[in-house]
Amino acid sequence: MMTGDFYDYFELLDEAWTNARFPHRLIPEFAKLDIAGLPYRGARSLLTGFVVLEMNRVGPSMGTFFGVHNGPAMGSIDRLGSDEQRERWLPSMAAMEKIGAFALTEPDGGSELPVPDPSWFGPPKNTL
């Protein structure tokens, strides 16, 4: 499967979305592509961005899934984890054998990511 072949999975993704189910059978397909963890193996982030863009063209939920797995989940371990944690988790996550997730909860805000209010930053320094 090449990234352009994501279109072959449109019906599967549409059915999964309609039934509120995650299409688990796509994970081995992603593993075959060897696209998880590219930035942690020396590839530029731009390449990962284009991969996610192609996923989003077919099914935005899969782009989100892959972006979270590849970004906050693997990125947190890569940047903040110990050598032991990186050795334990990153190879199996890059192989899509282990799936990373991201969860956010706030006491007064629920589970939505906060959107900064521009007024927090003060007036713009350069205006036309």
Protein backbone atom coordinates (compact mmCIF):
# COMPACT_ATOMS: atom_id res chain seq x y z
CA MET A 1 0.00 0.00 0.00
CA MET A 2 1.30 3.41 -0.92
CA THR A 3 -0.08 6.57 0.66
CA GLY A 4 -2.18 7.23 -2.45
CA ASP A 5 -3.85 3.88 -1.81
CA PHE A 6 -5.61 5.34 1.23
CA TYR A 7 -8.48 5.92 -1.20
CA ASP A 8 -8.92 2.13 -1.35
CA TYR A 9 -10.13 2.35 2.25
CA PHE A 10 -12.70 5.09 1.80
CA GLU A 11 -15.68 2.74 2.13
CA LEU A 12 -14.20 1.07 5.21
CA LEU A 13 -13.56 4.44 6.83
CA ASP A 14 -17.00 5.73 5.90
CA GLU A 15 -18.62 2.64 7.42
CA ALA A 16 -16.47 2.92 10.57
CA TRP A 17 -17.40 6.61 10.94
CA THR A 18 -21.11 5.90 10.42
CA ASN A 19 -21.06 3.12 13.03
CA ALA A 20 -18.77 4.97 15.49
CA ARG A 21 -16.19 2.19 15.32
CA PHE A 22 -12.45 2.34 14.92
CA PRO A 23 -11.17 0.48 11.82
CA HIS A 24 -8.57 -1.64 13.62
CA ARG A 25 -7.77 -3.65 10.52
CA LEU A 26 -6.00 -0.61 9.03
CA ILE A 27 -3.27 -0.65 11.67
CA PRO A 28 -1.36 -3.52 10.02
CA GLU A 29 -1.62 -1.63 6.73
CA PHE A 30 -0.01 1.41 8.34
CA ALA A 31 2.68 -0.86 9.77
CA LYS A 32 3.49 -2.16 6.26
CA LEU A 33 4.02 1.42 5.11
CA ASP A 34 6.62 1.99 7.85
CA ILE A 35 5.39 5.56 8.32
CA ALA A 36 5.02 5.79 12.10
CA GLY A 37 7.82 7.54 13.92
CA LEU A 38 9.47 8.99 10.83
CA PRO A 39 10.64 12.18 12.62
CA TYR A 40 12.31 10.07 15.32
CA ARG A 41 14.26 8.18 12.67
CA GLY A 42 15.69 11.29 11.04
CA ALA A 43 12.97 12.15 8.50
CA ARG A 44 11.76 15.70 8.29
CA SER A 45 8.43 16.53 9.89
CA LEU A 46 7.25 17.79 6.52
CA LEU A 47 7.13 14.21 5.23
CA THR A 48 4.92 13.15 8.13
CA GLY A 49 2.74 16.19 7.47
CA PHE A 50 2.19 15.10 3.86
CA VAL A 51 1.36 11.55 4.97
CA VAL A 52 -1.25 12.89 7.41
CA LEU A 53 -2.57 15.22 4.71
CA GLU A 54 -3.19 12.23 2.44
CA MET A 55 -4.90 10.35 5.27
CA ASN A 56 -7.10 13.37 6.00
CA ARG A 57 -8.19 13.56 2.37
CA VAL A 58 -9.76 10.12 2.76
CA GLY A 59 -10.74 10.05 6.43
CA PRO A 60 -9.92 12.89 8.80
CA SER A 61 -10.37 10.66 11.83
CA MET A 62 -7.51 8.44 10.65
CA GLY A 63 -5.29 11.47 10.15
CA THR A 64 -6.11 12.49 13.71
CA PHE A 65 -5.43 8.99 15.02
CA PHE A 66 -2.08 8.82 13.24
CA GLY A 67 -1.18 12.39 14.19
CA VAL A 68 -1.76 11.72 17.89
CA HIS A 69 0.08 8.39 17.78
CA ASN A 70 3.01 9.89 15.91
CA GLY A 71 3.00 13.31 17.61
CA PRO A 72 2.03 13.71 21.27
CA ALA A 73 2.35 10.01 22.12
CA MET A 74 5.67 9.16 20.50
CA GLY A 75 6.97 12.72 20.76
CA SER A 76 6.50 12.86 24.52
CA ILE A 77 8.44 9.66 24.98
CA ASP A 78 11.16 10.76 22.57
CA ARG A 79 11.64 14.19 24.13
CA LEU A 80 10.87 13.55 27.79
CA GLY A 81 11.35 9.83 28.34
CA SER A 82 14.39 8.12 29.76
CA ASP A 83 16.67 6.07 27.53
CA GLU A 84 15.00 2.97 28.95
CA GLN A 85 11.52 4.27 28.08
CA ARG A 86 12.58 5.24 24.56
CA GLU A 87 14.10 1.79 23.99
CA ARG A 88 11.04 0.07 25.44
CA TRP A 89 8.28 1.96 23.63
CA LEU A 90 9.43 3.73 20.47
CA PRO A 91 10.40 0.70 18.35
CA SER A 92 7.10 -1.10 19.00
CA MET A 93 5.15 2.13 18.47
CA ALA A 94 6.98 2.78 15.19
CA ALA A 95 6.04 -0.76 14.13
CA MET A 96 2.42 -0.02 15.14
CA GLU A 97 2.54 -2.95 17.58
CA LYS A 98 1.76 -0.55 20.43
CA ILE A 99 -0.59 2.38 19.91
CA GLY A 100 -0.10 5.70 21.63
CA ALA A 101 -2.88 7.95 22.82
CA PHE A 102 -3.42 11.41 24.25
CA ALA A 103 -5.92 12.26 26.93
CA LEU A 104 -6.70 15.65 28.39
CA THR A 105 -8.97 16.42 31.25
CA GLU A 106 -9.31 19.57 33.26
CA PRO A 107 -11.30 20.03 36.47
CA ASP A 108 -13.43 22.87 35.10
CA GLY A 109 -13.01 22.40 31.37
CA GLY A 110 -13.85 18.83 30.50
CA SER A 111 -11.84 17.23 27.75
CA GLU A 112 -11.65 20.01 25.17
CA LEU A 113 -8.30 21.51 24.31
CA PRO A 114 -8.27 25.16 25.34
CA VAL A 115 -8.14 27.74 22.58
CA PRO A 116 -6.07 30.75 23.61
CA ASP A 117 -7.85 34.08 23.68
CA PRO A 118 -5.77 36.55 21.62
CA SER A 119 -6.30 39.20 24.31
CA TRP A 120 -4.12 37.12 26.65
CA PHE A 121 -1.12 38.18 24.62
CA GLY A 122 -1.82 41.90 24.73
CA PRO A 123 -2.12 44.29 21.80
CA PRO A 124 -0.21 43.48 18.62
CA LYS A 125 3.23 45.05 18.50
CA ASN A 126 3.16 45.73 14.79
CA THR A 127 -0.05 46.94 13.22
CA LEU A 128 -0.72 48.36 9.81
